[in-house]
């Protein structure tokens, strides 16, 4: 999946989808909201909440997923709160896959290697801090989402509480009852 800064969504054929009126939600993975079945039932609830409040209930979402919510005015892209899925972000586009985004970007400008990311790869065997080997592309943090609208691509905070703050009561014996 690739989204350009002009709010053009490309290649969502491999994603699940739910459309209701002017709202479209695309997702991969296993999203669920406690009290609703995982997948489509949780997505229906997410869509209803979004239409009412105009915001995504990030703290309620569980699972491993990437989700795109599209309206006429904006597109919101985000991944799960546990970092199993991610989005790659640049000023010109957003994608859940690195190579399609870099291919798209290379068609409009020259891409520069990140010397810091290359040095990290040689020093510790991987790239740290959400960077990629391309200077203009970074990985979205688990506490961030992307909003694409008239002002272009904006990275925003989800506003999730710290990991040690208990958001809801959690009963491990009843965990799979709601999934």
N, C-alpha and C. Protein backbone atom coordinates (compact mmCIF):
# COMPACT_ATOMS: atom_id res chain seq x y z
N UNK A 1 0.84 -1.16 0.00
CA UNK A 1 0.00 0.00 0.00
C UNK A 1 0.89 1.24 0.00
N UNK A 2 0.52 2.19 -0.79
CA UNK A 2 1.26 3.44 -0.90
C UNK A 2 0.25 4.58 -0.94
N UNK A 3 0.53 5.65 -0.18
CA UNK A 3 -0.31 6.84 -0.20
C UNK A 3 0.59 8.01 -0.55
N UNK A 4 0.23 8.76 -1.58
CA UNK A 4 1.03 9.92 -1.94
C UNK A 4 0.57 11.13 -1.13
N UNK A 5 1.40 12.18 -1.13
CA UNK A 5 1.06 13.40 -0.41
C UNK A 5 -0.17 14.09 -1.00
N UNK A 6 -0.60 13.63 -2.18
CA UNK A 6 -1.80 14.20 -2.82
C UNK A 6 -3.07 13.43 -2.45
N UNK A 7 -2.99 12.59 -1.43
CA UNK A 7 -4.10 11.76 -0.94
C UNK A 7 -4.54 10.72 -1.97
N UNK A 8 -3.61 10.19 -2.72
CA UNK A 8 -3.90 9.12 -3.66
C UNK A 8 -3.48 7.80 -3.01
N UNK A 9 -4.43 6.90 -2.84
CA UNK A 9 -4.13 5.59 -2.27
C UNK A 9 -3.90 4.62 -3.42
N UNK A 10 -2.77 3.95 -3.39
CA UNK A 10 -2.39 3.03 -4.46
C UNK A 10 -2.21 1.63 -3.86
N UNK A 11 -2.67 0.62 -4.55
CA UNK A 11 -2.40 -0.77 -4.20
C UNK A 11 -2.96 -1.18 -2.85
N UNK A 12 -4.27 -1.16 -2.72
CA UNK A 12 -4.90 -1.68 -1.51
C UNK A 12 -5.58 -3.02 -1.78
N UNK A 13 -5.29 -3.62 -2.94
CA UNK A 13 -5.91 -4.88 -3.32
C UNK A 13 -5.61 -6.01 -2.33
N UNK A 14 -4.45 -5.97 -1.71
CA UNK A 14 -4.08 -7.05 -0.79
C UNK A 14 -4.54 -6.78 0.64
N UNK A 15 -5.34 -5.73 0.83
CA UNK A 15 -5.83 -5.38 2.16
C UNK A 15 -7.32 -5.71 2.28
N UNK A 16 -7.75 -5.99 3.50
CA UNK A 16 -9.18 -6.11 3.77
C UNK A 16 -9.77 -4.70 3.70
N UNK A 17 -11.06 -4.61 3.40
CA UNK A 17 -11.66 -3.28 3.33
C UNK A 17 -13.08 -3.28 3.88
N UNK A 18 -13.46 -2.12 4.38
CA UNK A 18 -14.80 -1.86 4.88
C UNK A 18 -15.17 -0.46 4.43
N UNK A 19 -16.29 -0.33 3.74
CA UNK A 19 -16.72 0.98 3.28
C UNK A 19 -18.15 1.24 3.76
N UNK A 20 -18.34 2.46 4.25
CA UNK A 20 -19.66 2.87 4.71
C UNK A 20 -19.82 4.34 4.40
N UNK A 21 -20.69 4.66 3.47
CA UNK A 21 -20.88 6.05 3.07
C UNK A 21 -19.60 6.61 2.49
N UNK A 22 -19.11 7.70 3.07
CA UNK A 22 -17.88 8.35 2.58
C UNK A 22 -16.64 7.90 3.35
N UNK A 23 -16.80 6.91 4.20
CA UNK A 23 -15.70 6.39 5.01
C UNK A 23 -15.23 5.06 4.44
N UNK A 24 -13.92 4.91 4.29
CA UNK A 24 -13.34 3.64 3.86
C UNK A 24 -12.22 3.28 4.83
N UNK A 25 -12.20 2.03 5.26
CA UNK A 25 -11.14 1.55 6.14
C UNK A 25 -10.50 0.34 5.47
N UNK A 26 -9.17 0.38 5.38
CA UNK A 26 -8.39 -0.72 4.83
C UNK A 26 -7.48 -1.22 5.93
N UNK A 27 -7.29 -2.55 6.01
CA UNK A 27 -6.41 -3.06 7.05
C UNK A 27 -5.77 -4.38 6.66
N UNK A 28 -4.64 -4.61 7.27
CA UNK A 28 -3.94 -5.89 7.24
C UNK A 28 -3.72 -6.31 8.67
N UNK A 29 -3.68 -7.59 8.90
CA UNK A 29 -3.38 -8.09 10.23
C UNK A 29 -4.62 -8.44 11.01
N UNK A 30 -4.51 -8.28 12.32
CA UNK A 30 -5.48 -8.80 13.26
C UNK A 30 -5.88 -7.73 14.28
N UNK A 31 -6.69 -6.74 13.87
CA UNK A 31 -7.11 -5.71 14.83
C UNK A 31 -8.31 -6.17 15.66
N UNK A 32 -8.30 -5.86 16.93
CA UNK A 32 -9.51 -6.10 17.71
C UNK A 32 -9.65 -5.08 18.82
N UNK A 33 -10.88 -4.86 19.19
CA UNK A 33 -11.24 -3.99 20.30
C UNK A 33 -11.96 -4.86 21.31
N UNK A 34 -11.53 -4.84 22.57
CA UNK A 34 -12.18 -5.70 23.57
C UNK A 34 -13.71 -5.53 23.54
N UNK A 35 -14.39 -6.66 23.57
CA UNK A 35 -15.85 -6.66 23.51
C UNK A 35 -16.39 -6.91 22.11
N UNK A 36 -15.51 -6.92 21.10
CA UNK A 36 -15.90 -7.13 19.71
C UNK A 36 -15.01 -8.22 19.13
N UNK A 37 -15.54 -8.97 18.19
CA UNK A 37 -14.72 -9.98 17.54
C UNK A 37 -13.59 -9.32 16.76
N UNK A 38 -12.48 -10.00 16.69
CA UNK A 38 -11.33 -9.47 15.95
C UNK A 38 -11.67 -9.37 14.47
N UNK A 39 -11.03 -8.45 13.79
CA UNK A 39 -11.25 -8.28 12.37
C UNK A 39 -12.40 -7.34 12.06
N UNK A 40 -13.31 -7.81 11.23
CA UNK A 40 -14.35 -6.93 10.69
C UNK A 40 -15.26 -6.32 11.75
N UNK A 41 -15.65 -7.08 12.78
CA UNK A 41 -16.52 -6.51 13.80
C UNK A 41 -15.83 -5.37 14.55
N UNK A 42 -14.56 -5.54 14.87
CA UNK A 42 -13.81 -4.46 15.52
C UNK A 42 -13.63 -3.27 14.58
N UNK A 43 -13.44 -3.54 13.29
CA UNK A 43 -13.29 -2.46 12.31
C UNK A 43 -14.60 -1.68 12.18
N UNK A 44 -15.74 -2.36 12.21
CA UNK A 44 -17.04 -1.67 12.17
C UNK A 44 -17.17 -0.73 13.37
N UNK A 45 -16.78 -1.21 14.55
CA UNK A 45 -16.82 -0.38 15.74
C UNK A 45 -15.88 0.82 15.58
N UNK A 46 -14.67 0.57 15.09
CA UNK A 46 -13.70 1.63 14.86
C UNK A 46 -14.28 2.69 13.92
N UNK A 47 -14.92 2.25 12.83
CA UNK A 47 -15.53 3.18 11.88
C UNK A 47 -16.64 4.01 12.52
N UNK A 48 -17.48 3.37 13.33
CA UNK A 48 -18.56 4.09 14.00
C UNK A 48 -18.01 5.12 14.98
N UNK A 49 -17.00 4.74 15.75
CA UNK A 49 -16.36 5.66 16.69
C UNK A 49 -15.73 6.84 15.96
N UNK A 50 -15.07 6.54 14.84
CA UNK A 50 -14.41 7.59 14.07
C UNK A 50 -15.43 8.57 13.48
N UNK A 51 -16.54 8.05 12.97
CA UNK A 51 -17.55 8.93 12.39
C UNK A 51 -18.19 9.82 13.44
N UNK A 52 -18.35 9.31 14.66
CA UNK A 52 -18.97 10.09 15.73
C UNK A 52 -18.01 11.14 16.28
N UNK A 53 -16.79 10.70 16.64
CA UNK A 53 -15.86 11.58 17.35
C UNK A 53 -14.84 12.26 16.43
N UNK A 54 -14.61 11.70 15.25
CA UNK A 54 -13.62 12.27 14.34
C UNK A 54 -12.18 11.94 14.71
N UNK A 55 -12.01 11.07 15.70
CA UNK A 55 -10.67 10.65 16.13
C UNK A 55 -10.62 9.13 16.24
N UNK A 56 -9.43 8.60 16.19
CA UNK A 56 -9.23 7.16 16.31
C UNK A 56 -9.05 6.81 17.78
N UNK A 57 -9.78 5.80 18.28
CA UNK A 57 -9.63 5.39 19.69
C UNK A 57 -8.39 4.48 19.85
N UNK A 58 -7.21 5.07 19.73
CA UNK A 58 -5.96 4.29 19.73
C UNK A 58 -5.81 3.41 20.97
N UNK A 59 -6.15 3.92 22.14
CA UNK A 59 -5.95 3.17 23.37
C UNK A 59 -6.83 1.92 23.45
N UNK A 60 -7.93 1.90 22.70
CA UNK A 60 -8.82 0.74 22.72
C UNK A 60 -8.37 -0.37 21.78
N UNK A 61 -7.56 -0.04 20.79
CA UNK A 61 -7.16 -1.01 19.77
C UNK A 61 -6.12 -1.99 20.29
N UNK A 62 -6.29 -3.24 19.95
CA UNK A 62 -5.35 -4.30 20.30
C UNK A 62 -5.01 -5.08 19.03
N UNK A 63 -4.00 -5.93 19.10
CA UNK A 63 -3.67 -6.80 17.99
C UNK A 63 -2.43 -6.35 17.25
N UNK A 64 -2.21 -6.99 16.10
CA UNK A 64 -1.09 -6.68 15.21
C UNK A 64 -1.68 -6.32 13.86
N UNK A 65 -1.51 -5.07 13.42
CA UNK A 65 -2.23 -4.59 12.24
C UNK A 65 -1.61 -3.33 11.68
N UNK A 66 -2.00 -3.01 10.46
CA UNK A 66 -1.82 -1.68 9.88
C UNK A 66 -3.18 -1.27 9.33
N UNK A 67 -3.58 -0.02 9.55
CA UNK A 67 -4.92 0.45 9.20
C UNK A 67 -4.83 1.80 8.49
N UNK A 68 -5.69 1.96 7.48
CA UNK A 68 -5.85 3.24 6.79
C UNK A 68 -7.32 3.62 6.89
N UNK A 69 -7.59 4.83 7.34
CA UNK A 69 -8.95 5.36 7.37
C UNK A 69 -8.99 6.51 6.38
N UNK A 70 -9.87 6.42 5.40
CA UNK A 70 -9.95 7.45 4.36
C UNK A 70 -11.33 8.10 4.36
N UNK A 71 -11.32 9.44 4.37
CA UNK A 71 -12.53 10.23 4.19
C UNK A 71 -12.26 11.17 3.02
N UNK A 72 -13.24 12.00 2.68
CA UNK A 72 -13.01 12.95 1.59
C UNK A 72 -11.98 14.01 1.96
N UNK A 73 -11.88 14.35 3.25
CA UNK A 73 -10.98 15.42 3.69
C UNK A 73 -9.58 14.96 4.05
N UNK A 74 -9.44 13.72 4.53
CA UNK A 74 -8.13 13.28 5.01
C UNK A 74 -8.00 11.76 5.00
N UNK A 75 -6.77 11.34 5.10
CA UNK A 75 -6.43 9.93 5.23
C UNK A 75 -5.59 9.79 6.48
N UNK A 76 -5.89 8.79 7.27
CA UNK A 76 -5.13 8.52 8.48
C UNK A 76 -4.56 7.12 8.34
N UNK A 77 -3.25 6.98 8.59
CA UNK A 77 -2.59 5.69 8.52
C UNK A 77 -1.86 5.45 9.83
N UNK A 78 -2.02 4.25 10.38
CA UNK A 78 -1.34 3.92 11.63
C UNK A 78 -1.19 2.41 11.75
N UNK A 79 -0.28 2.02 12.61
CA UNK A 79 -0.04 0.61 12.87
C UNK A 79 -0.31 0.32 14.34
N UNK A 80 -0.23 -0.96 14.68
CA UNK A 80 -0.53 -1.38 16.05
C UNK A 80 0.38 -0.70 17.07
N UNK A 81 -0.08 -0.71 18.31
CA UNK A 81 0.62 -0.04 19.40
C UNK A 81 1.80 -0.85 19.93
N UNK A 82 1.99 -2.07 19.40
CA UNK A 82 3.08 -2.92 19.89
C UNK A 82 4.22 -3.03 18.89
N UNK A 83 4.14 -2.31 17.78
CA UNK A 83 5.23 -2.24 16.80
C UNK A 83 5.43 -3.51 15.98
N UNK A 84 4.40 -4.34 15.84
CA UNK A 84 4.52 -5.51 14.96
C UNK A 84 4.44 -5.09 13.50
N UNK A 85 3.62 -4.11 13.20
CA UNK A 85 3.50 -3.54 11.86
C UNK A 85 4.04 -2.12 11.93
N UNK A 86 4.39 -1.55 10.77
CA UNK A 86 4.86 -0.17 10.76
C UNK A 86 4.54 0.48 9.42
N UNK A 87 4.69 1.78 9.37
CA UNK A 87 4.61 2.54 8.13
C UNK A 87 5.94 3.26 7.94
N UNK A 88 6.29 3.45 6.68
CA UNK A 88 7.46 4.24 6.31
C UNK A 88 6.95 5.57 5.80
N UNK A 89 7.59 6.67 6.23
CA UNK A 89 7.07 8.01 5.98
C UNK A 89 8.15 8.89 5.36
N UNK A 90 7.74 9.66 4.36
CA UNK A 90 8.57 10.73 3.80
C UNK A 90 7.67 11.93 3.57
N UNK A 91 8.22 13.02 3.07
CA UNK A 91 7.40 14.20 2.80
C UNK A 91 6.48 13.99 1.60
N UNK A 92 6.80 13.01 0.76
CA UNK A 92 6.04 12.79 -0.47
C UNK A 92 5.10 11.60 -0.43
N UNK A 93 5.27 10.69 0.54
CA UNK A 93 4.42 9.52 0.57
C UNK A 93 4.56 8.70 1.84
N UNK A 94 3.65 7.74 1.99
CA UNK A 94 3.58 6.85 3.13
C UNK A 94 3.31 5.46 2.61
N UNK A 95 3.96 4.45 3.18
CA UNK A 95 3.72 3.08 2.75
C UNK A 95 3.96 2.12 3.91
N UNK A 96 3.30 0.97 3.84
CA UNK A 96 3.57 -0.07 4.83
C UNK A 96 4.73 -0.96 4.38
N UNK A 97 5.29 -0.65 3.20
CA UNK A 97 6.46 -1.38 2.68
C UNK A 97 7.51 -0.37 2.22
N UNK A 98 8.76 -0.66 2.54
CA UNK A 98 9.86 0.26 2.27
C UNK A 98 10.15 0.40 0.77
N UNK A 99 10.27 -0.70 0.05
CA UNK A 99 10.69 -0.64 -1.35
C UNK A 99 9.70 0.08 -2.27
N UNK A 100 8.40 -0.15 -2.18
CA UNK A 100 7.49 0.64 -3.04
C UNK A 100 7.59 2.14 -2.79
N UNK A 101 7.80 2.54 -1.53
CA UNK A 101 7.93 3.97 -1.24
C UNK A 101 9.21 4.52 -1.85
N UNK A 102 10.32 3.82 -1.72
CA UNK A 102 11.57 4.33 -2.29
C UNK A 102 11.51 4.34 -3.82
N UNK A 103 10.83 3.37 -4.41
CA UNK A 103 10.67 3.38 -5.87
C UNK A 103 9.85 4.61 -6.30
N UNK A 104 8.77 4.88 -5.59
CA UNK A 104 7.94 6.06 -5.86
C UNK A 104 8.76 7.34 -5.70
N UNK A 105 9.52 7.44 -4.63
CA UNK A 105 10.32 8.64 -4.38
C UNK A 105 11.41 8.82 -5.42
N UNK A 106 12.03 7.73 -5.86
CA UNK A 106 13.12 7.84 -6.83
C UNK A 106 12.63 8.31 -8.19
N UNK A 107 11.33 8.20 -8.44
CA UNK A 107 10.78 8.67 -9.72
C UNK A 107 10.66 10.19 -9.76
N UNK A 108 10.73 10.84 -8.58
CA UNK A 108 10.58 12.30 -8.54
C UNK A 108 11.85 13.03 -8.09
N UNK A 109 12.78 12.32 -7.44
CA UNK A 109 14.00 12.97 -6.97
C UNK A 109 15.09 11.93 -6.70
N UNK A 110 16.30 12.41 -6.51
CA UNK A 110 17.41 11.54 -6.15
C UNK A 110 17.30 11.20 -4.67
N UNK A 111 17.59 9.95 -4.34
CA UNK A 111 17.56 9.53 -2.95
C UNK A 111 18.98 9.51 -2.39
N UNK A 112 19.13 9.99 -1.17
CA UNK A 112 20.44 10.02 -0.52
C UNK A 112 20.52 8.95 0.56
N UNK A 113 21.64 8.25 0.61
CA UNK A 113 21.86 7.29 1.68
C UNK A 113 22.09 8.02 2.99
N UNK A 114 21.58 7.46 4.05
CA UNK A 114 21.82 8.00 5.39
C UNK A 114 23.13 7.43 5.89
N UNK A 115 24.14 8.27 6.02
CA UNK A 115 25.44 7.78 6.49
C UNK A 115 25.34 7.28 7.93
N UNK A 116 24.49 7.90 8.74
CA UNK A 116 24.28 7.45 10.12
C UNK A 116 23.69 6.04 10.16
N UNK A 117 22.69 5.79 9.30
CA UNK A 117 22.06 4.47 9.26
C UNK A 117 23.03 3.41 8.75
N UNK A 118 23.83 3.74 7.75
CA UNK A 118 24.83 2.80 7.23
C UNK A 118 25.86 2.49 8.32
N UNK A 119 26.31 3.53 9.04
CA UNK A 119 27.28 3.33 10.11
C UNK A 119 26.69 2.45 11.22
N UNK A 120 25.41 2.66 11.57
CA UNK A 120 24.76 1.83 12.59
C UNK A 120 24.69 0.38 12.14
N UNK A 121 24.41 0.15 10.85
CA UNK A 121 24.33 -1.20 10.32
C UNK A 121 25.68 -1.91 10.48
N UNK A 122 26.76 -1.23 10.16
CA UNK A 122 28.08 -1.83 10.30
C UNK A 122 28.48 -1.99 11.77
N UNK A 123 28.10 -1.04 12.61
CA UNK A 123 28.52 -1.07 14.01
C UNK A 123 27.75 -2.09 14.85
N UNK A 124 26.42 -2.13 14.70
CA UNK A 124 25.60 -3.00 15.57
C UNK A 124 24.73 -3.99 14.80
N UNK A 125 24.83 -3.99 13.49
CA UNK A 125 24.09 -4.97 12.69
C UNK A 125 22.66 -4.60 12.38
N UNK A 126 22.24 -3.42 12.73
CA UNK A 126 20.89 -2.97 12.42
C UNK A 126 20.81 -1.45 12.53
N UNK A 127 19.68 -0.91 12.06
CA UNK A 127 19.47 0.54 12.10
C UNK A 127 18.59 0.85 13.30
N UNK A 128 19.00 1.83 14.08
CA UNK A 128 18.28 2.19 15.30
C UNK A 128 17.47 3.47 15.11
N UNK A 129 16.61 3.77 16.04
CA UNK A 129 15.90 5.05 16.15
C UNK A 129 14.95 5.36 15.01
N UNK A 130 14.38 4.35 14.38
CA UNK A 130 13.38 4.61 13.35
C UNK A 130 13.94 5.12 12.04
N UNK A 131 15.22 5.16 11.89
CA UNK A 131 15.82 5.62 10.64
C UNK A 131 15.78 4.49 9.61
N UNK A 132 16.02 4.83 8.36
CA UNK A 132 16.21 3.85 7.30
C UNK A 132 17.48 4.22 6.55
N UNK A 133 17.86 3.41 5.58
CA UNK A 133 19.09 3.71 4.83
C UNK A 133 18.90 4.88 3.88
N UNK A 134 17.66 5.30 3.67
CA UNK A 134 17.37 6.47 2.84
C UNK A 134 17.14 7.66 3.76
N UNK A 135 17.86 8.72 3.55
CA UNK A 135 17.83 9.90 4.43
C UNK A 135 16.41 10.48 4.59
N UNK A 136 15.64 10.50 3.54
CA UNK A 136 14.32 11.16 3.58
C UNK A 136 13.17 10.25 4.01
N UNK A 137 13.47 9.01 4.39
CA UNK A 137 12.44 8.05 4.79
C UNK A 137 12.72 7.58 6.21
N UNK A 138 11.68 7.56 7.03
CA UNK A 138 11.83 7.03 8.38
C UNK A 138 10.66 6.11 8.71
N UNK A 139 10.86 5.30 9.73
CA UNK A 139 9.79 4.42 10.21
C UNK A 139 8.93 5.19 11.21
N UNK A 140 7.65 4.97 11.13
CA UNK A 140 6.73 5.58 12.08
C UNK A 140 6.88 4.89 13.43
N UNK A 141 6.93 5.63 14.50
CA UNK A 141 7.01 5.08 15.85
C UNK A 141 5.64 4.52 16.23
N UNK A 142 5.63 3.55 17.14
CA UNK A 142 4.36 2.94 17.56
C UNK A 142 3.41 3.93 18.21
N UNK A 143 3.91 5.06 18.69
CA UNK A 143 3.06 6.08 19.31
C UNK A 143 2.73 7.22 18.35
N UNK A 144 2.91 6.99 17.05
CA UNK A 144 2.62 8.02 16.05
C UNK A 144 1.65 7.49 15.00
N UNK A 145 0.98 8.42 14.35
CA UNK A 145 0.17 8.11 13.18
C UNK A 145 0.39 9.19 12.15
N UNK A 146 -0.04 8.92 10.93
CA UNK A 146 0.13 9.88 9.85
C UNK A 146 -1.24 10.38 9.43
N UNK A 147 -1.33 11.70 9.24
CA UNK A 147 -2.55 12.32 8.72
C UNK A 147 -2.19 13.03 7.43
N UNK A 148 -2.91 12.70 6.38
CA UNK A 148 -2.66 13.30 5.07
C UNK A 148 -3.89 14.09 4.69
N UNK A 149 -3.70 15.39 4.51
CA UNK A 149 -4.81 16.27 4.18
C UNK A 149 -4.33 17.40 3.30
N UNK A 150 -5.06 18.50 3.30
CA UNK A 150 -4.70 19.65 2.48
C UNK A 150 -3.32 20.20 2.81
N UNK A 151 -2.90 20.06 4.06
CA UNK A 151 -1.59 20.56 4.50
C UNK A 151 -0.46 19.58 4.20
N UNK A 152 -0.77 18.47 3.54
CA UNK A 152 0.26 17.49 3.22
C UNK A 152 0.30 16.37 4.24
N UNK A 153 1.47 15.77 4.39
CA UNK A 153 1.67 14.65 5.30
C UNK A 153 2.15 15.17 6.64
N UNK A 154 1.41 14.85 7.68
CA UNK A 154 1.76 15.28 9.04
C UNK A 154 1.84 14.05 9.94
N UNK A 155 2.92 13.97 10.71
CA UNK A 155 3.06 12.91 11.71
C UNK A 155 2.56 13.47 13.03
N UNK A 156 1.68 12.71 13.68
CA UNK A 156 1.07 13.16 14.93
C UNK A 156 1.24 12.07 16.01
N UNK A 157 1.07 12.48 17.24
CA UNK A 157 1.17 11.55 18.37
C UNK A 157 -0.19 10.89 18.62
N UNK A 158 -0.16 9.59 18.94
CA UNK A 158 -1.39 8.87 19.28
C UNK A 158 -1.91 9.26 20.66
N UNK A 159 -1.03 9.72 21.53
CA UNK A 159 -1.45 10.06 22.88
C UNK A 159 -1.68 8.85 23.77
N UNK A 160 -0.92 7.80 23.53
CA UNK A 160 -1.06 6.59 24.34
C UNK A 160 -0.43 6.81 25.72
N UNK A 161 -1.01 6.20 26.75
CA UNK A 161 -0.39 6.30 28.07
C UNK A 161 0.91 5.49 28.12
N UNK A 162 1.75 5.75 29.12
CA UNK A 162 2.96 4.97 29.30
C UNK A 162 2.60 3.50 29.50
N UNK A 163 3.52 2.63 29.19
CA UNK A 163 3.27 1.20 29.23
C UNK A 163 2.96 0.70 30.64
N UNK A 164 3.43 1.39 31.67
CA UNK A 164 3.19 0.94 33.04
C UNK A 164 1.88 1.46 33.62
N UNK A 165 1.12 2.23 32.83
CA UNK A 165 -0.18 2.73 33.27
C UNK A 165 -1.26 1.76 32.80
N UNK A 166 -2.04 1.23 33.73
CA UNK A 166 -3.09 0.28 33.38
C UNK A 166 -4.28 1.06 32.83
N UNK A 167 -4.63 0.80 31.56
CA UNK A 167 -5.71 1.52 30.90
C UNK A 167 -7.06 0.90 31.23
N UNK A 168 -7.13 -0.42 31.21
CA UNK A 168 -8.38 -1.12 31.49
C UNK A 168 -8.07 -2.29 32.41
N UNK A 169 -9.12 -2.83 33.00
CA UNK A 169 -8.92 -4.04 33.78
C UNK A 169 -8.60 -5.17 32.82
N UNK A 170 -7.62 -5.96 33.17
CA UNK A 170 -7.20 -7.05 32.30
C UNK A 170 -7.26 -8.35 33.09
N UNK A 171 -8.06 -9.27 32.63
CA UNK A 171 -8.18 -10.58 33.25
C UNK A 171 -7.61 -11.61 32.28
N UNK A 172 -6.38 -12.11 32.54
CA UNK A 172 -5.77 -13.05 31.60
C UNK A 172 -6.57 -14.34 31.41
N UNK A 173 -7.37 -14.73 32.40
CA UNK A 173 -8.19 -15.93 32.26
C UNK A 173 -9.34 -15.73 31.28
N UNK A 174 -9.76 -14.48 31.05
CA UNK A 174 -10.88 -14.19 30.16
C UNK A 174 -10.43 -13.58 28.83
N UNK A 175 -9.11 -13.49 28.61
CA UNK A 175 -8.56 -12.81 27.45
C UNK A 175 -9.16 -13.31 26.13
N UNK A 176 -9.20 -14.60 25.91
CA UNK A 176 -9.64 -15.14 24.62
C UNK A 176 -11.16 -15.19 24.46
N UNK A 177 -11.91 -14.86 25.51
CA UNK A 177 -13.37 -14.83 25.40
C UNK A 177 -13.83 -13.76 24.42
N UNK A 178 -13.11 -12.63 24.33
CA UNK A 178 -13.56 -11.51 23.50
C UNK A 178 -12.87 -11.46 22.15
N UNK A 179 -12.00 -12.40 21.87
CA UNK A 179 -11.25 -12.35 20.60
C UNK A 179 -11.98 -13.08 19.52
